[in-house]
Amino acid sequence: RAGYDLTFSMPKSASVMACVAGDKRVLAANMAAVQKTMAWVEKNLAEGRRDVDGRKVPVQTGNLVYALFQHDTSRALDPQGHIHAVIGNMTQMPDGKWQALHADKIWSHNSIIGAIYHSYLRTALEKIGYTVELRGKHGTFEIVGVPKAAREEFSQRREDILNKAAETGITSHK
């Protein structure tokens, strides 16, 4: 495995404000939120493994090798600000040696990572003057004042998924 991809997606209302209304401060707030989140991930979740008595034991390393790639559209070309954090499959162990990343802790904390990201983004958007409203799980939110009709207009991919689910009789998100 060459690496891992964590994707941080802004709420649709934030994407509308950034990509349709042209408020580039929202994109800057999003990048800052991802950078802070990744710093937390690196400090708290980066691990390698060491052999101890014939078993592989996780060892916290506190370092990752990653790059951030900012995108502004969905696959359907709707406005959808998101950032890919592409993490290389490597970490430097406490003894200085480089080895494969043990990513189990990162994957098992996916919901926590998302909640931290949304918290940083919410705070940053509020600092630049937006009012937000919590929606859904793990700290997800929308910007107050962006109409539901506008969010839905720029959600073609979601609409396609819902239509396909209805066509095939799928009723559960699972």
C-alpha atoms as a PDB file:
ATOM      1  CA  ARG A   1       0.000   0.000   0.000  1.00  0.00           C
ATOM      2  CA  ALA A   2       1.568   3.267  -1.124  1.00  0.00           C
ATOM      3  CA  GLY A   3      -0.456   5.443   1.203  1.00  0.00           C
ATOM      4  CA  TYR A   4      -3.799   6.641   2.482  1.00  0.00           C
ATOM      5  CA  ASP A   5      -6.212   9.409   1.486  1.00  0.00           C
ATOM      6  CA  LEU A   6      -8.188  11.342   4.062  1.00  0.00           C
ATOM      7  CA  THR A   7     -10.742  13.645   2.423  1.00  0.00           C
ATOM      8  CA  PHE A   8     -12.072  16.727   4.194  1.00  0.00           C
ATOM      9  CA  SER A   9     -15.249  18.083   2.545  1.00  0.00           C
ATOM     10  CA  MET A  10     -16.792  21.427   3.362  1.00  0.00           C
ATOM     11  CA  PRO A  11     -20.528  21.591   3.977  1.00  0.00           C
ATOM     12  CA  LYS A  12     -22.443  22.361   0.784  1.00  0.00           C
ATOM     13  CA  SER A  13     -23.361  25.849   2.039  1.00  0.00           C
ATOM     14  CA  ALA A  14     -19.666  26.678   2.529  1.00  0.00           C
ATOM     15  CA  SER A  15     -18.910  25.422  -0.975  1.00  0.00           C
ATOM     16  CA  VAL A  16     -21.682  27.622  -2.371  1.00  0.00           C
ATOM     17  CA  MET A  17     -20.304  30.667  -0.555  1.00  0.00           C
ATOM     18  CA  ALA A  18     -16.730  29.960  -1.693  1.00  0.00           C
ATOM     19  CA  CYS A  19     -17.235  28.728  -5.234  1.00  0.00           C
ATOM     20  CA  VAL A  20     -20.475  30.415  -6.333  1.00  0.00           C
ATOM     21  CA  ALA A  21     -20.558  33.606  -4.267  1.00  0.00           C
ATOM     22  CA  GLY A  22     -16.770  33.950  -4.588  1.00  0.00           C
ATOM     23  CA  ASP A  23     -15.809  34.344  -0.919  1.00  0.00           C
ATOM     24  CA  LYS A  24     -12.249  33.030  -1.066  1.00  0.00           C
ATOM     25  CA  ARG A  25     -11.912  33.506   2.710  1.00  0.00           C
ATOM     26  CA  VAL A  26     -13.960  30.315   3.029  1.00  0.00           C
ATOM     27  CA  LEU A  27     -11.346  28.352   1.063  1.00  0.00           C
ATOM     28  CA  ALA A  28      -8.592  29.787   3.248  1.00  0.00           C
ATOM     29  CA  ALA A  29     -10.570  28.871   6.381  1.00  0.00           C
ATOM     30  CA  ASN A  30     -11.005  25.348   5.038  1.00  0.00           C
ATOM     31  CA  MET A  31      -7.287  24.918   4.334  1.00  0.00           C
ATOM     32  CA  ALA A  32      -6.417  26.199   7.817  1.00  0.00           C
ATOM     33  CA  ALA A  33      -8.937  23.794   9.379  1.00  0.00           C
ATOM     34  CA  VAL A  34      -7.433  20.850   7.498  1.00  0.00           C
ATOM     35  CA  GLN A  35      -3.893  21.870   8.434  1.00  0.00           C
ATOM     36  CA  LYS A  36      -4.820  22.060  12.129  1.00  0.00           C
ATOM     37  CA  THR A  37      -6.668  18.752  11.939  1.00  0.00           C
ATOM     38  CA  MET A  38      -3.753  17.014  10.253  1.00  0.00           C
ATOM     39  CA  ALA A  39      -1.379  18.409  12.897  1.00  0.00           C
ATOM     40  CA  TRP A  40      -3.621  16.764  15.517  1.00  0.00           C
ATOM     41  CA  VAL A  41      -3.727  13.491  13.551  1.00  0.00           C
ATOM     42  CA  GLU A  42       0.040  13.498  13.206  1.00  0.00           C
ATOM     43  CA  LYS A  43       0.666  14.220  16.893  1.00  0.00           C
ATOM     44  CA  ASN A  44      -1.915  11.792  18.278  1.00  0.00           C
ATOM     45  CA  LEU A  45      -2.515   8.990  15.776  1.00  0.00           C
ATOM     46  CA  ALA A  46       0.702   8.375  13.797  1.00  0.00           C
ATOM     47  CA  GLU A  47       2.143   4.974  14.625  1.00  0.00           C
ATOM     48  CA  GLY A  48       4.621   2.419  13.428  1.00  0.00           C
ATOM     49  CA  ARG A  49       5.063  -1.104  14.781  1.00  0.00           C
ATOM     50  CA  ARG A  50       7.896  -2.760  16.625  1.00  0.00           C
ATOM     51  CA  ASP A  51       8.551  -6.445  17.280  1.00  0.00           C
ATOM     52  CA  VAL A  52       8.165  -7.241  20.979  1.00  0.00           C
ATOM     53  CA  ASP A  53       8.374 -10.863  22.052  1.00  0.00           C
ATOM     54  CA  GLY A  54       7.473 -12.060  18.561  1.00  0.00           C
ATOM     55  CA  ARG A  55       4.441  -9.793  18.142  1.00  0.00           C
ATOM     56  CA  LYS A  56       3.984  -6.507  16.331  1.00  0.00           C
ATOM     57  CA  VAL A  57       3.204  -3.766  18.857  1.00  0.00           C
ATOM     58  CA  PRO A  58       2.056  -0.256  17.860  1.00  0.00           C
ATOM     59  CA  VAL A  59       4.482   2.552  18.720  1.00  0.00           C
ATOM     60  CA  GLN A  60       3.442   6.198  18.595  1.00  0.00           C
ATOM     61  CA  THR A  61       5.744   8.179  16.312  1.00  0.00           C
ATOM     62  CA  GLY A  62       4.141  11.617  16.133  1.00  0.00           C
ATOM     63  CA  ASN A  63       5.058  12.096  12.478  1.00  0.00           C
ATOM     64  CA  LEU A  64       3.543  11.591   9.044  1.00  0.00           C
ATOM     65  CA  VAL A  65       4.576  12.345   5.495  1.00  0.00           C
ATOM     66  CA  TYR A  66       1.620  13.901   3.690  1.00  0.00           C
ATOM     67  CA  ALA A  67       0.550  16.440   1.093  1.00  0.00           C
ATOM     68  CA  LEU A  68      -2.678  18.428   0.820  1.00  0.00           C
ATOM     69  CA  PHE A  69      -4.536  18.784  -2.481  1.00  0.00           C
ATOM     70  CA  GLN A  70      -7.381  21.300  -2.675  1.00  0.00           C
ATOM     71  CA  HIS A  71     -10.295  20.681  -5.053  1.00  0.00           C
ATOM     72  CA  ASP A  72     -13.354  22.820  -5.650  1.00  0.00           C
ATOM     73  CA  THR A  73     -15.801  20.556  -7.495  1.00  0.00           C
ATOM     74  CA  SER A  74     -17.484  17.191  -7.079  1.00  0.00           C
ATOM     75  CA  ARG A  75     -17.299  14.433  -9.687  1.00  0.00           C
ATOM     76  CA  ALA A  76     -20.508  15.899 -11.133  1.00  0.00           C
ATOM     77  CA  LEU A  77     -18.756  19.308 -11.347  1.00  0.00           C
ATOM     78  CA  ASP A  78     -20.936  20.862  -8.653  1.00  0.00           C
ATOM     79  CA  PRO A  79     -19.202  23.277  -6.283  1.00  0.00           C
ATOM     80  CA  GLN A  80     -17.740  21.080  -3.553  1.00  0.00           C
ATOM     81  CA  GLY A  81     -14.702  22.371  -1.732  1.00  0.00           C
ATOM     82  CA  HIS A  82     -12.663  19.515  -0.361  1.00  0.00           C
ATOM     83  CA  ILE A  83      -9.078  18.704   0.449  1.00  0.00           C
ATOM     84  CA  HIS A  84      -7.343  15.375   0.061  1.00  0.00           C
ATOM     85  CA  ALA A  85      -4.672  14.660   2.663  1.00  0.00           C
ATOM     86  CA  VAL A  86      -2.565  12.027   0.918  1.00  0.00           C
ATOM     87  CA  ILE A  87      -0.478  10.263   3.539  1.00  0.00           C
ATOM     88  CA  GLY A  88       2.573   8.280   2.502  1.00  0.00           C
ATOM     89  CA  ASN A  89       2.894   4.808   3.985  1.00  0.00           C
ATOM     90  CA  MET A  90       5.877   5.760   6.116  1.00  0.00           C
ATOM     91  CA  THR A  91       6.738   7.113   9.526  1.00  0.00           C
ATOM     92  CA  GLN A  92       9.978   7.697  11.364  1.00  0.00           C
ATOM     93  CA  MET A  93      10.301   5.531  14.433  1.00  0.00           C
ATOM     94  CA  PRO A  94      11.746   6.861  17.707  1.00  0.00           C
ATOM     95  CA  ASP A  95      15.093   5.220  16.846  1.00  0.00           C
ATOM     96  CA  GLY A  96      15.266   7.257  13.600  1.00  0.00           C
ATOM     97  CA  LYS A  97      14.481   4.393  11.223  1.00  0.00           C
ATOM     98  CA  TRP A  98      11.769   4.835   8.590  1.00  0.00           C
ATOM     99  CA  GLN A  99       9.191   2.121   8.197  1.00  0.00           C
ATOM    100  CA  ALA A 100       5.608   1.480   7.146  1.00  0.00           C
ATOM    101  CA  LEU A 101       2.874   3.467   8.839  1.00  0.00           C
ATOM    102  CA  HIS A 102       0.534   1.491  11.088  1.00  0.00           C
ATOM    103  CA  ALA A 103      -2.703   3.305  10.152  1.00  0.00           C
ATOM    104  CA  ASP A 104      -5.213   1.340  12.250  1.00  0.00           C
ATOM    105  CA  LYS A 105      -5.517   4.143  14.788  1.00  0.00           C
ATOM    106  CA  ILE A 106      -6.115   6.719  12.037  1.00  0.00           C
ATOM    107  CA  TRP A 107      -8.913   4.650  10.474  1.00  0.00           C
ATOM    108  CA  SER A 108     -10.526   3.786  13.799  1.00  0.00           C
ATOM    109  CA  HIS A 109     -10.645   7.485  14.734  1.00  0.00           C
ATOM    110  CA  ASN A 110     -12.240   8.593  11.450  1.00  0.00           C
ATOM    111  CA  SER A 111     -15.334  10.075  13.120  1.00  0.00           C
ATOM    112  CA  ILE A 112     -13.217  11.940  15.666  1.00  0.00           C
ATOM    113  CA  ILE A 113     -11.009  13.336  12.892  1.00  0.00           C
ATOM    114  CA  GLY A 114     -14.128  14.565  11.083  1.00  0.00           C
ATOM    115  CA  ALA A 115     -15.508  16.176  14.237  1.00  0.00           C
ATOM    116  CA  ILE A 116     -12.206  17.961  14.887  1.00  0.00           C
ATOM    117  CA  TYR A 117     -12.098  19.218  11.287  1.00  0.00           C
ATOM    118  CA  HIS A 118     -15.680  20.508  11.446  1.00  0.00           C
ATOM    119  CA  SER A 119     -14.959  22.218  14.758  1.00  0.00           C
ATOM    120  CA  TYR A 120     -11.936  24.060  13.346  1.00  0.00           C
ATOM    121  CA  LEU A 121     -13.850  25.010  10.189  1.00  0.00           C
ATOM    122  CA  ARG A 122     -16.913  26.187  12.129  1.00  0.00           C
ATOM    123  CA  THR A 123     -14.762  28.374  14.350  1.00  0.00           C
ATOM    124  CA  ALA A 124     -12.896  29.865  11.390  1.00  0.00           C
ATOM    125  CA  LEU A 125     -16.117  30.636   9.499  1.00  0.00           C
ATOM    126  CA  GLU A 126     -17.633  32.279  12.554  1.00  0.00           C
ATOM    127  CA  LYS A 127     -14.499  34.441  12.924  1.00  0.00           C
ATOM    128  CA  ILE A 128     -14.998  35.811   9.390  1.00  0.00           C
ATOM    129  CA  GLY A 129     -18.623  36.636  10.108  1.00  0.00           C
ATOM    130  CA  TYR A 130     -20.726  33.625   9.184  1.00  0.00           C
ATOM    131  CA  THR A 131     -23.374  32.145  11.449  1.00  0.00           C
ATOM    132  CA  VAL A 132     -23.546  28.369  11.389  1.00  0.00           C
ATOM    133  CA  GLU A 133     -26.142  25.823  12.414  1.00  0.00           C
ATOM    134  CA  LEU A 134     -25.264  22.304  13.553  1.00  0.00           C
ATOM    135  CA  ARG A 135     -26.722  19.531  11.382  1.00  0.00           C
ATOM    136  CA  GLY A 136     -26.196  15.805  11.494  1.00  0.00           C
ATOM    137  CA  LYS A 137     -23.496  13.854  13.278  1.00  0.00           C
ATOM    138  CA  HIS A 138     -19.885  14.549  14.200  1.00  0.00           C
ATOM    139  CA  GLY A 139     -20.190  18.335  14.207  1.00  0.00           C
ATOM    140  CA  THR A 140     -21.477  18.756  10.667  1.00  0.00           C
ATOM    141  CA  PHE A 141     -23.118  22.091  10.004  1.00  0.00           C
ATOM    142  CA  GLU A 142     -24.397  24.495   7.357  1.00  0.00           C
ATOM    143  CA  ILE A 143     -24.005  28.247   7.007  1.00  0.00           C
ATOM    144  CA  VAL A 144     -27.196  30.047   8.004  1.00  0.00           C
ATOM    145  CA  GLY A 145     -28.779  31.943   5.125  1.00  0.00           C
ATOM    146  CA  VAL A 146     -27.752  29.634   2.278  1.00  0.00           C
ATOM    147  CA  PRO A 147     -31.136  28.319   1.144  1.00  0.00           C
ATOM    148  CA  LYS A 148     -31.787  24.589   1.045  1.00  0.00           C
ATOM    149  CA  ALA A 149     -32.815  25.002  -2.614  1.00  0.00           C
ATOM    150  CA  ALA A 150     -29.341  26.356  -3.437  1.00  0.00           C
ATOM    151  CA  ARG A 151     -27.634  23.506  -1.587  1.00  0.00           C
ATOM    152  CA  GLU A 152     -29.800  20.976  -3.431  1.00  0.00           C
ATOM    153  CA  GLU A 153     -29.279  22.668  -6.817  1.00  0.00           C
ATOM    154  CA  PHE A 154     -25.563  22.054  -6.510  1.00  0.00           C
ATOM    155  CA  SER A 155     -25.889  18.469  -5.257  1.00  0.00           C
ATOM    156  CA  GLN A 156     -26.318  16.519  -8.497  1.00  0.00           C
ATOM    157  CA  ARG A 157     -24.249  13.579  -7.328  1.00  0.00           C
ATOM    158  CA  ARG A 158     -26.370  13.148  -4.196  1.00  0.00           C
ATOM    159  CA  GLU A 159     -29.499  13.348  -6.330  1.00  0.00           C
ATOM    160  CA  ASP A 160     -28.083  10.684  -8.683  1.00  0.00           C
ATOM    161  CA  ILE A 161     -27.343   8.404  -5.727  1.00  0.00           C
ATOM    162  CA  LEU A 162     -30.833   8.869  -4.275  1.00  0.00           C
ATOM    163  CA  ASN A 163     -32.423   8.164  -7.671  1.00  0.00           C
ATOM    164  CA  LYS A 164     -30.344   5.008  -8.143  1.00  0.00           C
ATOM    165  CA  ALA A 165     -31.236   3.848  -4.634  1.00  0.00           C
ATOM    166  CA  ALA A 166     -34.941   4.366  -5.357  1.00  0.00           C
ATOM    167  CA  GLU A 167     -34.611   2.590  -8.714  1.00  0.00           C
ATOM    168  CA  THR A 168     -32.978  -0.466  -7.114  1.00  0.00           C
ATOM    169  CA  GLY A 169     -35.174  -0.499  -4.027  1.00  0.00           C
ATOM    170  CA  ILE A 170     -32.444   0.394  -1.558  1.00  0.00           C
ATOM    171  CA  THR A 171     -33.956   2.093   1.487  1.00  0.00           C
ATOM    172  CA  SER A 172     -31.096   1.994   4.009  1.00  0.00           C
ATOM    173  CA  HIS A 173     -27.973   4.138   3.961  1.00  0.00           C
ATOM    174  CA  LYS A 174     -26.039   1.014   4.911  1.00  0.00           C
END
